[in-house]
Amino acid sequence: MKEINTMKKCLHITTMLVVMLALWIFVGGGLNAVQAATLPAPQISCYTKTYNTVTLKWTAIKGAQSYVVYKYSGTEGKFLRVAVVPGGTSTYKVTGLTQGTTYQFMMRAAKTTTGSYLSEKSNILSVTTYKPKTYRITPDSLPTNKTMLRYGYYNNLTRQYYMVRSYMEWFEKCGGGKLIFSPGTYTITNTIFVPSNVTIVFEDGVKIYKGTDTGCGLEASNSLFQLVRPSKGHVAGVYGKYDGEKNITFQGLGSVLIDMKYQDKTNCIQTGHNQNVTITGITFKNVRSGHFVEMDATKNATIENCKFYSIIGDTIREAINLDTPDKVTGGFTAVWSKYDCTADYNVLVDNCTFASMGRSVGTHNYSGGHPHNYITITNNTMTNMYSYGIDMMNWKYATVSGNYIQGSDKAISENRSGILGYGIYDCTIKGNTISLYRWGMLFKPCQGISAAEIAAYSKIYNYFTLANIDDLKTNVCKTDVTDARALLYDKDGTIQKILLPISVQ
């Protein structure tokens, strides 16, 4: 009898639990497939896309606690779940995609925050990511982004700036591209930010002038090109080491001119935290107290077959300045740098012409412990240089050979030398010809000038191997060099004088 009573009690409890569960489901405490289906299916569309991302957008569904995003997998032959998105949002960025590839997406609304109890499927959306392409422009071209035509600063003086800028912004979305400048004259007033994987080709007959008059409240910039993606050009501290833009080429075909029009304290091309940069076949003219190329924290760069003419104002300025992003020295001022003192690495300057400027290639500030490595300067012609021909400061394992370096009466009167070395280490300097200088070559210790530099960085000294010393003796001075010697200042203040071969004029 007790067993029967016990069984009745268990049956009664079980029945009560079943009734309570059914009641809980009935009043909304639980869900089933039929009830979940009362959620309408969302409608999905493409909000934005780039070469490797797609941002999806959908209609908000009342009662949805989350949304489940699916991407079709050809390998699996079905849609796979890629994300569960909170119900309060209506967009989701899918990343890690391949450029120029078509993808299919689908989604469902869900009654729970974990993406369960799903609505019917949404529409299926097909999206093809962008890929790099080639575009050609003329001086009369308009911006590819027609919205720019309505910008407040857009006018006839800024039109070409906005036109070129629009392609760089488009290339950022496409993961790169090629822009061909057709022959003609282009006036660019403001900085063009160049993203990765971009080639800019200037055809024979292209002339680019640095514009200073914008005709509006937009102030003309102090640089022409900066190698940073447009979306980061005004963002502070986004790049360090060599993790910035990569694979950028400026290529001139035939007669190509970039004229900076002597705008004060202006750089033509400014690099920083970049890799794989090439500048070739371009004639640069007319800088005032600036540089044609300001190269900082850049790895694997080539400048070849270019011509650089005329720097005025601060006549000790270099045509190509190798520097480090360092707030102590102030040698680099781009807002997007982390100022981590990264030096240049593997830079080649070959077969270029330099005339009527302070120095051809050089460094005038240093960050202690961060030498520029593997700088190669070969087969260049330098004439009418006002200051040192080449200024090697804090360089390591550099090669300077086969260059013709001619100074000027000013260089002689100011006791300049064809090659100056400050704190260089195991550098090969051979086979250069030097003319119109006070000294053939000069190698001295150096320390910063400002109190901040002196406090931050110790004095730097030169280090020569025996092979380095032998190489120095292969350099030749013309008879117009006042003292055809290489002077090597040691740490203890003594001076080693190496008489260089003399060539008859």
Protein backbone atom coordinates (compact mmCIF):
# COMPACT_ATOMS: atom_id res chain seq x y z
CA MET A 1 0.00 0.00 0.00
CA LYS A 2 2.84 2.38 0.87
CA GLU A 3 4.44 1.67 -2.51
CA ILE A 4 1.16 2.48 -4.30
CA ASN A 5 0.77 5.74 -2.37
CA THR A 6 4.35 6.66 -3.16
CA MET A 7 3.77 6.01 -6.86
CA LYS A 8 0.63 8.15 -6.79
CA LYS A 9 2.56 11.00 -5.15
CA CYS A 10 5.32 10.81 -7.78
CA LEU A 11 2.75 10.76 -10.56
CA HIS A 12 0.99 13.75 -9.02
CA ILE A 13 4.27 15.72 -8.75
CA THR A 14 5.23 14.84 -12.32
CA THR A 15 1.82 15.92 -13.57
CA MET A 16 2.12 19.22 -11.70
CA LEU A 17 5.57 19.87 -13.21
CA VAL A 18 4.28 19.17 -16.70
CA VAL A 19 1.34 21.53 -16.14
CA MET A 20 3.60 24.25 -14.74
CA LEU A 21 6.05 23.92 -17.65
CA ALA A 22 3.21 24.12 -20.14
CA LEU A 23 1.83 27.19 -18.37
CA TRP A 24 5.32 28.80 -18.34
CA ILE A 25 5.66 28.25 -22.06
CA PHE A 26 2.12 29.52 -22.67
CA VAL A 27 2.67 32.81 -20.87
CA GLY A 28 5.99 33.44 -22.60
CA GLY A 29 8.57 31.99 -20.24
CA GLY A 30 9.89 29.73 -23.03
CA LEU A 31 9.94 29.69 -26.81
CA ASN A 32 9.37 27.16 -29.52
CA ALA A 33 10.05 27.21 -33.22
CA VAL A 34 6.55 28.41 -34.05
CA GLN A 35 6.79 31.36 -31.67
CA ALA A 36 10.31 32.27 -32.89
CA ALA A 37 8.96 32.32 -36.40
CA THR A 38 6.71 35.21 -35.40
CA LEU A 39 9.85 37.38 -35.72
CA PRO A 40 9.85 38.79 -39.25
CA ALA A 41 12.94 38.12 -41.34
CA PRO A 42 15.31 41.11 -41.54
CA GLN A 43 16.30 42.66 -44.85
CA ILE A 44 20.07 42.80 -45.34
CA SER A 45 22.05 45.20 -47.52
CA CYS A 46 25.64 46.38 -48.02
CA TYR A 47 26.45 49.56 -46.09
CA THR A 48 30.10 49.95 -47.12
CA LYS A 49 32.87 47.76 -48.47
CA THR A 50 36.62 47.84 -49.11
CA TYR A 51 39.08 45.41 -50.63
CA ASN A 52 39.00 43.15 -47.54
CA THR A 53 35.87 44.11 -45.56
CA VAL A 54 32.11 44.30 -46.03
CA THR A 55 29.89 46.19 -43.59
CA LEU A 56 26.39 44.77 -43.55
CA LYS A 57 23.28 46.73 -42.66
CA TRP A 58 19.80 45.44 -41.89
CA THR A 59 16.33 46.50 -40.84
CA ALA A 60 15.70 46.49 -37.10
CA ILE A 61 13.27 43.78 -35.96
CA LYS A 62 11.01 44.47 -32.99
CA GLY A 63 11.52 41.90 -30.25
CA ALA A 64 14.86 40.68 -31.58
CA GLN A 65 17.44 40.20 -28.82
CA SER A 66 20.23 39.48 -31.32
CA TYR A 67 20.95 38.91 -34.98
CA VAL A 68 22.88 35.99 -36.45
CA VAL A 69 25.08 36.69 -39.50
CA TYR A 70 25.96 33.92 -41.95
CA LYS A 71 28.47 33.74 -44.81
CA TYR A 72 28.26 31.15 -47.55
CA SER A 73 31.11 28.64 -47.60
CA GLY A 74 31.80 27.05 -50.96
CA THR A 75 33.91 24.43 -49.23
CA GLU A 76 31.08 23.41 -46.91
CA GLY A 77 28.36 24.03 -49.49
CA LYS A 78 26.22 25.94 -47.02
CA PHE A 79 25.89 29.16 -45.00
CA LEU A 80 27.99 29.19 -41.84
CA ARG A 81 27.41 31.33 -38.79
CA VAL A 82 30.08 34.05 -38.47
CA ALA A 83 28.70 36.29 -35.73
CA VAL A 84 25.93 36.90 -33.21
CA VAL A 85 25.28 40.65 -33.02
CA PRO A 86 23.45 42.37 -30.11
CA GLY A 87 19.87 43.32 -30.83
CA GLY A 88 20.46 47.04 -30.38
CA THR A 89 22.76 47.24 -33.41
CA SER A 90 21.99 47.21 -37.12
CA THR A 91 25.43 46.92 -38.75
CA TYR A 92 28.28 44.43 -38.70
CA LYS A 93 31.71 44.52 -40.39
CA VAL A 94 32.96 41.25 -41.84
CA THR A 95 36.76 41.34 -42.03
CA GLY A 96 39.56 39.22 -43.44
CA LEU A 97 38.10 38.98 -46.93
CA THR A 98 39.97 38.69 -50.24
CA GLN A 99 40.07 41.54 -52.73
CA GLY A 100 37.99 41.25 -55.89
CA THR A 101 36.03 38.28 -54.53
CA THR A 102 32.24 37.77 -54.44
CA TYR A 103 30.69 36.73 -51.11
CA GLN A 104 27.13 35.81 -50.12
CA PHE A 105 25.62 36.79 -46.77
CA MET A 106 22.38 35.98 -45.00
CA MET A 107 21.02 36.64 -41.51
CA ARG A 108 18.23 35.89 -39.06
CA ALA A 109 16.73 37.68 -36.08
CA ALA A 110 16.79 35.82 -32.76
CA LYS A 111 14.63 35.88 -29.63
CA THR A 112 17.61 35.38 -27.31
CA THR A 113 20.91 37.16 -26.80
CA THR A 114 22.77 33.97 -27.68
CA GLY A 115 21.27 33.71 -31.15
CA SER A 116 18.71 30.94 -30.58
CA TYR A 117 15.02 30.73 -31.60
CA LEU A 118 15.56 32.19 -35.03
CA SER A 119 13.32 33.95 -37.50
CA GLU A 120 13.07 32.91 -41.13
CA LYS A 121 16.07 33.62 -43.35
CA SER A 122 16.68 37.09 -44.70
CA ASN A 123 17.30 37.79 -48.34
CA ILE A 124 20.66 36.56 -49.66
CA LEU A 125 23.09 39.41 -50.37
CA SER A 126 25.95 39.08 -52.88
CA VAL A 127 28.84 41.54 -52.50
CA THR A 128 32.10 41.74 -54.46
CA THR A 129 35.03 43.35 -52.65
CA TYR A 130 37.06 46.02 -54.40
CA LYS A 131 40.38 45.35 -56.09
CA PRO A 132 43.17 47.66 -57.36
CA LYS A 133 42.69 49.12 -60.83
CA THR A 134 44.44 51.59 -63.12
CA TYR A 135 43.02 55.07 -63.73
CA ARG A 136 44.16 57.90 -65.98
CA ILE A 137 43.64 61.58 -65.24
CA THR A 138 44.17 64.82 -67.15
CA PRO A 139 44.45 68.39 -65.87
CA ASP A 140 40.72 68.76 -66.62
CA SER A 141 39.58 65.68 -64.69
CA LEU A 142 37.06 66.01 -61.86
CA PRO A 143 37.11 64.14 -58.53
CA THR A 144 36.01 60.54 -58.79
CA ASN A 145 34.03 61.20 -55.60
CA LYS A 146 31.35 63.61 -56.87
CA THR A 147 30.45 64.60 -53.30
CA MET A 148 33.64 66.69 -53.30
CA LEU A 149 32.08 68.99 -55.89
CA ARG A 150 29.84 70.28 -53.09
CA TYR A 151 32.64 70.83 -50.56
CA GLY A 152 32.86 74.39 -49.27
CA TYR A 153 36.56 74.65 -50.18
CA TYR A 154 36.17 73.20 -53.65
CA ASN A 155 36.89 75.80 -56.32
CA ASN A 156 38.94 76.22 -59.46
CA LEU A 157 42.18 76.65 -57.46
CA THR A 158 41.68 73.55 -55.31
CA ARG A 159 40.00 71.37 -57.95
CA GLN A 160 43.11 69.42 -58.93
CA TYR A 161 44.02 68.83 -55.28
CA TYR A 162 40.59 67.35 -54.59
CA MET A 163 40.73 65.38 -57.82
CA VAL A 164 44.01 63.62 -56.95
CA ARG A 165 42.95 63.24 -53.33
CA SER A 166 39.74 61.49 -54.38
CA TYR A 167 41.71 58.76 -56.13
CA MET A 168 43.95 58.19 -53.11
CA GLU A 169 40.87 57.80 -50.88
CA TRP A 170 39.44 55.39 -53.42
CA PHE A 171 42.72 53.43 -53.50
CA GLU A 172 42.60 53.07 -49.73
CA LYS A 173 39.26 51.28 -50.12
CA CYS A 174 40.54 49.18 -53.04
CA GLY A 175 43.78 48.10 -51.38
CA GLY A 176 45.86 50.07 -53.87
CA GLY A 177 45.86 51.00 -57.53
CA LYS A 178 47.71 52.88 -60.26
CA LEU A 179 47.10 56.54 -61.14
CA ILE A 180 48.51 57.80 -64.44
CA PHE A 181 48.97 61.55 -64.90
CA SER A 182 48.51 62.45 -68.56
CA PRO A 183 50.76 65.23 -69.93
CA GLY A 184 49.86 68.72 -68.78
CA THR A 185 50.10 71.11 -65.84
CA TYR A 186 48.71 70.31 -62.40
CA THR A 187 48.66 72.69 -59.44
CA ILE A 188 48.22 71.02 -56.07
CA THR A 189 47.65 73.21 -53.03
CA ASN A 190 47.41 70.68 -50.21
CA THR A 191 48.87 67.41 -49.03
CA ILE A 192 48.01 64.26 -50.94
CA PHE A 193 48.00 61.28 -48.55
CA VAL A 194 49.10 58.12 -50.35
CA PRO A 195 48.06 54.64 -49.07
CA SER A 196 49.75 51.27 -49.58
CA ASN A 197 50.14 49.46 -52.90
CA VAL A 198 49.87 52.60 -55.00
CA THR A 199 51.86 53.48 -58.11
CA ILE A 200 51.73 57.05 -59.39
CA VAL A 201 52.97 57.38 -62.98
CA PHE A 202 53.81 60.79 -64.46
CA GLU A 203 53.90 60.63 -68.24
CA ASP A 204 56.30 62.61 -70.41
CA GLY A 205 55.33 66.28 -70.24
CA VAL A 206 53.73 66.30 -66.78
CA LYS A 207 54.39 69.43 -64.72
CA ILE A 208 53.25 69.64 -61.12
CA TYR A 209 53.39 72.93 -59.24
CA LYS A 210 52.95 73.47 -55.52
CA GLY A 211 50.02 75.85 -55.21
CA THR A 212 49.92 78.40 -52.39
CA ASP A 213 46.68 80.24 -53.18
CA THR A 214 43.53 78.25 -52.40
CA GLY A 215 41.08 81.09 -52.97
CA CYS A 216 39.25 80.12 -49.77
CA GLY A 217 39.70 79.52 -46.05
CA LEU A 218 41.66 76.32 -46.64
CA GLU A 219 45.31 77.01 -45.82
CA ALA A 220 47.81 75.61 -48.30
CA SER A 221 49.89 72.81 -46.80
CA ASN A 222 53.65 72.58 -46.28
CA SER A 223 54.02 69.24 -48.06
CA LEU A 224 52.92 67.82 -51.38
CA PHE A 225 52.81 64.05 -50.74
CA GLN A 226 52.80 62.15 -47.45
CA LEU A 227 52.94 58.37 -47.47
CA VAL A 228 50.10 57.63 -45.10
CA ARG A 229 46.58 56.39 -45.81
CA PRO A 230 44.06 59.24 -46.12
CA SER A 231 41.95 58.07 -43.18
CA LYS A 232 44.99 58.32 -40.87
CA GLY A 233 46.58 61.50 -42.20
CA HIS A 234 45.30 63.65 -39.33
CA VAL A 235 45.21 61.01 -36.59
CA ALA A 236 47.84 61.28 -33.86
CA GLY A 237 50.31 58.52 -33.10
CA VAL A 238 49.00 55.71 -35.32
CA TYR A 239 52.28 54.46 -36.82
CA GLY A 240 55.59 53.33 -35.38
CA LYS A 241 58.59 51.25 -36.50
CA TYR A 242 57.99 50.22 -40.14
CA ASP A 243 54.28 49.40 -39.77
CA GLY A 244 52.93 52.21 -41.96
CA GLU A 245 52.17 52.24 -45.67
CA LYS A 246 54.02 49.88 -48.02
CA ASN A 247 54.76 49.38 -51.70
CA ILE A 248 54.49 52.93 -53.03
CA THR A 249 56.08 54.11 -56.29
CA PHE A 250 56.46 57.53 -57.92
CA GLN A 251 57.55 56.96 -61.51
CA GLY A 252 58.44 59.61 -64.07
CA LEU A 253 58.47 58.75 -67.78
CA GLY A 254 60.45 61.18 -69.90
CA SER A 255 60.46 64.86 -68.91
CA VAL A 256 58.59 65.19 -65.59
CA LEU A 257 58.82 68.25 -63.33
CA ILE A 258 57.70 68.83 -59.75
CA ASP A 259 58.24 72.50 -58.86
CA MET A 260 57.76 73.54 -55.23
CA LYS A 261 57.71 77.23 -56.26
CA TYR A 262 59.90 78.19 -53.30
CA GLN A 263 57.07 77.88 -50.79
CA ASP A 264 58.71 78.36 -47.39
CA LYS A 265 59.59 75.33 -45.22
CA THR A 266 57.97 72.84 -47.52
CA ASN A 267 58.81 69.20 -48.26
CA CYS A 268 57.82 67.59 -51.54
CA ILE A 269 57.59 63.91 -50.56
CA GLN A 270 57.47 62.97 -46.89
CA THR A 271 57.87 59.35 -45.81
CA GLY A 272 57.58 57.87 -42.34
CA HIS A 273 57.26 54.31 -41.01
CA ASN A 274 57.09 53.03 -44.60
CA GLN A 275 58.46 50.05 -46.49
CA ASN A 276 59.29 49.52 -50.15
CA VAL A 277 59.27 53.06 -51.53
CA THR A 278 60.54 53.92 -55.02
CA ILE A 279 61.04 57.38 -56.55
CA THR A 280 62.41 57.41 -60.07
CA GLY A 281 62.73 59.56 -63.18
CA ILE A 282 61.51 62.89 -61.73
CA THR A 283 63.03 66.39 -61.79
CA PHE A 284 62.47 68.33 -58.55
CA LYS A 285 62.98 72.10 -58.35
CA ASN A 286 62.82 75.13 -56.11
CA VAL A 287 62.58 74.47 -52.38
CA ARG A 288 62.93 77.19 -49.75
CA SER A 289 64.27 76.03 -46.36
CA GLY A 290 62.92 72.54 -46.82
CA HIS A 291 63.68 69.21 -48.47
CA PHE A 292 62.60 67.55 -51.68
CA VAL A 293 62.42 64.21 -49.90
CA GLU A 294 62.03 63.97 -46.13
CA MET A 295 62.69 60.31 -45.38
CA ASP A 296 62.11 59.07 -41.84
CA ALA A 297 61.75 55.59 -40.38
CA THR A 298 61.67 54.06 -43.84
CA LYS A 299 62.84 50.57 -44.83
CA ASN A 300 63.83 49.53 -48.35
CA ALA A 301 63.70 52.76 -50.34
CA THR A 302 65.15 53.56 -53.76
CA ILE A 303 65.64 57.01 -55.29
CA GLU A 304 67.21 56.78 -58.73
CA ASN A 305 67.53 58.68 -62.00
CA CYS A 306 66.13 61.85 -60.44
CA LYS A 307 67.29 65.47 -60.64
CA PHE A 308 67.22 67.97 -57.78
CA TYR A 309 67.75 71.67 -58.42
CA SER A 310 67.88 74.78 -56.24
CA ILE A 311 67.30 75.16 -52.51
CA ILE A 312 67.30 78.70 -51.15
CA GLY A 313 66.75 80.23 -47.71
CA ASP A 314 68.37 77.80 -45.28
CA THR A 315 71.21 76.75 -47.58
CA ILE A 316 72.48 73.89 -45.41
CA ARG A 317 69.34 71.91 -46.22
CA GLU A 318 69.55 68.49 -47.85
CA ALA A 319 67.72 67.57 -51.02
CA ILE A 320 67.15 64.14 -49.46
CA ASN A 321 67.05 64.26 -45.67
CA LEU A 322 67.36 61.05 -43.67
CA ASP A 323 65.98 61.55 -40.18
CA THR A 324 64.31 59.85 -37.23
CA PRO A 325 60.87 60.68 -35.76
CA ASP A 326 62.05 62.12 -32.46
CA LYS A 327 60.39 64.84 -30.40
CA VAL A 328 63.72 65.70 -28.76
CA THR A 329 65.32 66.69 -32.06
CA GLY A 330 62.15 67.85 -33.79
CA GLY A 331 63.35 66.48 -37.12
CA PHE A 332 59.97 64.99 -38.05
CA THR A 333 56.63 66.61 -37.33
CA ALA A 334 53.96 64.38 -38.91
CA VAL A 335 51.12 63.99 -36.44
CA TRP A 336 50.57 60.33 -37.33
CA SER A 337 54.02 59.23 -36.06
CA LYS A 338 54.59 57.64 -32.65
CA TYR A 339 57.97 59.44 -32.51
CA ASP A 340 59.73 56.20 -31.60
CA CYS A 341 63.13 57.19 -33.09
CA THR A 342 63.03 54.52 -35.77
CA ALA A 343 65.90 55.05 -38.22
CA ASP A 344 66.04 54.48 -41.96
CA TYR A 345 67.15 51.06 -43.19
CA ASN A 346 68.42 50.05 -46.62
CA VAL A 347 68.12 53.24 -48.66
CA LEU A 348 69.62 53.55 -52.14
CA VAL A 349 70.28 56.88 -53.90
CA ASP A 350 71.71 56.13 -57.33
CA ASN A 351 72.43 57.98 -60.57
CA CYS A 352 70.84 61.25 -59.46
CA THR A 353 71.84 64.85 -60.18
CA PHE A 354 72.00 67.54 -57.49
CA ALA A 355 72.72 71.22 -58.15
CA SER A 356 72.62 74.55 -56.31
CA MET A 357 71.61 73.47 -52.83
CA GLY A 358 73.07 72.92 -49.38
CA ARG A 359 73.69 69.17 -49.34
CA SER A 360 72.63 66.36 -51.62
CA VAL A 361 71.90 63.60 -49.10
CA GLY A 362 72.40 63.85 -45.38
CA THR A 363 71.32 63.83 -41.76
CA HIS A 364 71.56 66.82 -39.44
CA ASN A 365 69.97 65.42 -36.24
CA TYR A 366 70.51 62.08 -34.53
CA SER A 367 68.73 59.89 -32.02
CA GLY A 368 71.29 58.14 -29.84
CA GLY A 369 71.27 54.37 -30.29
CA HIS A 370 69.27 54.55 -33.52
CA PRO A 371 71.70 54.72 -36.46
CA HIS A 372 70.61 54.70 -40.07
CA ASN A 373 71.70 51.34 -41.49
CA TYR A 374 72.83 50.40 -44.99
CA ILE A 375 72.54 53.75 -46.72
CA THR A 376 74.00 53.50 -50.24
CA ILE A 377 74.86 56.60 -52.28
CA THR A 378 76.36 55.72 -55.65
CA ASN A 379 77.06 57.24 -59.07
CA ASN A 380 75.51 60.63 -58.37
CA THR A 381 76.59 64.05 -59.66
CA MET A 382 76.58 67.03 -57.29
CA THR A 383 77.47 70.54 -58.49
CA ASN A 384 77.48 74.00 -56.92
CA MET A 385 76.81 72.72 -53.41
CA TYR A 386 76.75 75.47 -50.79
CA SER A 387 77.51 73.24 -47.83
CA TYR A 388 78.85 69.70 -47.41
CA GLY A 389 78.21 67.46 -50.39
CA ILE A 390 77.12 64.46 -48.33
CA ASP A 391 76.45 64.60 -44.59
CA MET A 392 76.77 61.20 -42.90
CA MET A 393 75.49 61.51 -39.33
CA ASN A 394 74.95 58.41 -37.19
CA TRP A 395 75.16 56.07 -40.20
CA LYS A 396 76.16 52.43 -39.92
CA TYR A 397 77.38 50.13 -42.71
CA ALA A 398 76.85 52.79 -45.36
CA THR A 399 78.42 52.82 -48.82
CA VAL A 400 79.32 56.06 -50.60
CA SER A 401 81.08 55.46 -53.91
CA GLY A 402 81.46 56.67 -57.46
CA ASN A 403 80.02 60.15 -56.82
CA TYR A 404 81.21 63.46 -58.27
CA ILE A 405 80.93 66.08 -55.51
CA GLN A 406 81.54 69.71 -56.40
CA GLY A 407 81.20 72.50 -53.86
CA SER A 408 81.37 76.24 -54.47
CA ASP A 409 83.22 79.37 -53.40
CA LYS A 410 80.76 79.56 -50.52
CA ALA A 411 81.65 76.02 -49.44
CA ILE A 412 85.36 76.92 -49.48
CA SER A 413 84.88 80.18 -47.55
CA GLU A 414 82.85 78.37 -44.87
CA ASN A 415 85.42 75.58 -44.50
CA ARG A 416 83.15 72.82 -45.78
CA SER A 417 84.21 69.41 -47.05
CA GLY A 418 82.95 67.17 -49.81
CA ILE A 419 81.95 64.47 -47.34
CA LEU A 420 81.24 65.02 -43.65
CA GLY A 421 81.02 62.15 -41.16
CA TYR A 422 79.61 62.45 -37.65
CA GLY A 423 79.45 59.23 -35.64
CA ILE A 424 79.65 56.81 -38.57
CA TYR A 425 80.41 53.12 -38.04
CA ASP A 426 82.16 50.78 -40.49
CA CYS A 427 81.23 52.73 -43.61
CA THR A 428 82.73 52.23 -47.06
CA ILE A 429 83.70 55.52 -48.76
CA LYS A 430 85.62 54.99 -51.97
CA GLY A 431 86.09 56.13 -55.53
CA ASN A 432 84.50 59.58 -55.13
CA THR A 433 85.80 62.71 -56.86
CA ILE A 434 85.72 65.97 -54.87
CA SER A 435 86.05 69.52 -56.19
CA LEU A 436 85.76 73.11 -54.88
CA TYR A 437 85.92 72.43 -51.13
CA ARG A 438 88.12 73.53 -48.23
CA TRP A 439 88.72 69.92 -47.24
CA GLY A 440 88.37 66.68 -49.10
CA MET A 441 86.65 64.84 -46.27
CA LEU A 442 86.08 65.53 -42.60
CA PHE A 443 85.14 63.06 -39.84
CA LYS A 444 84.41 64.49 -36.40
CA PRO A 445 82.64 63.60 -33.14
CA CYS A 446 79.26 65.23 -32.70
CA GLN A 447 76.70 66.08 -30.04
CA GLY A 448 73.34 67.75 -30.30
CA ILE A 449 73.04 71.51 -30.11
CA SER A 450 70.02 72.13 -27.88
CA ALA A 451 70.02 71.50 -24.14
CA ALA A 452 67.39 68.79 -24.62
CA GLU A 453 69.53 66.97 -27.19
CA ILE A 454 72.64 67.15 -25.03
CA ALA A 455 70.70 65.82 -22.04
CA ALA A 456 69.13 62.99 -24.03
CA TYR A 457 71.99 61.71 -26.18
CA SER A 458 75.69 61.20 -25.65
CA LYS A 459 78.34 62.41 -28.09
CA ILE A 460 78.80 60.11 -31.07
CA TYR A 461 82.18 59.10 -32.51
CA ASN A 462 83.45 57.59 -35.73
CA TYR A 463 84.66 54.02 -36.03
CA PHE A 464 86.82 52.89 -38.97
CA THR A 465 88.15 49.47 -39.80
CA LEU A 466 91.52 49.15 -41.53
CA ALA A 467 89.64 48.39 -44.74
CA ASN A 468 87.63 51.60 -44.29
CA ILE A 469 90.89 53.58 -44.00
CA ASP A 470 92.26 51.98 -47.15
CA ASP A 471 89.03 52.81 -49.01
CA LEU A 472 89.34 56.48 -48.03
CA LYS A 473 92.62 56.63 -49.92
CA THR A 474 90.87 55.78 -53.19
CA ASN A 475 88.92 59.07 -53.24
CA VAL A 476 90.28 61.80 -55.50
CA CYS A 477 90.41 65.58 -55.03
CA LYS A 478 90.63 68.12 -57.82
CA THR A 479 93.33 70.78 -57.55
CA ASP A 480 90.72 73.37 -56.52
CA VAL A 481 90.30 71.61 -53.14
CA THR A 482 92.24 73.76 -50.69
CA ASP A 483 93.45 70.84 -48.59
CA ALA A 484 93.12 67.49 -50.25
CA ARG A 485 92.98 65.47 -47.09
CA ALA A 486 90.66 63.35 -45.06
CA LEU A 487 90.75 64.48 -41.44
CA LEU A 488 89.81 61.91 -38.82
CA TYR A 489 89.24 63.26 -35.32
CA ASP A 490 89.76 60.63 -32.62
CA LYS A 491 88.06 60.47 -29.22
CA ASP A 492 91.14 61.88 -27.47
CA GLY A 493 91.17 64.91 -29.74
CA THR A 494 94.05 63.82 -31.94
CA ILE A 495 93.69 64.14 -35.68
CA GLN A 496 94.69 61.60 -38.29
CA LYS A 497 95.37 63.18 -41.67
CA ILE A 498 95.11 61.09 -44.82
CA LEU A 499 96.43 62.71 -47.98
CA LEU A 500 94.09 61.97 -50.85
CA PRO A 501 95.15 61.53 -54.47
CA ILE A 502 95.01 64.74 -56.48
CA SER A 503 93.61 64.92 -60.00
CA VAL A 504 94.59 67.69 -62.41
CA GLN A 505 91.64 69.84 -63.46
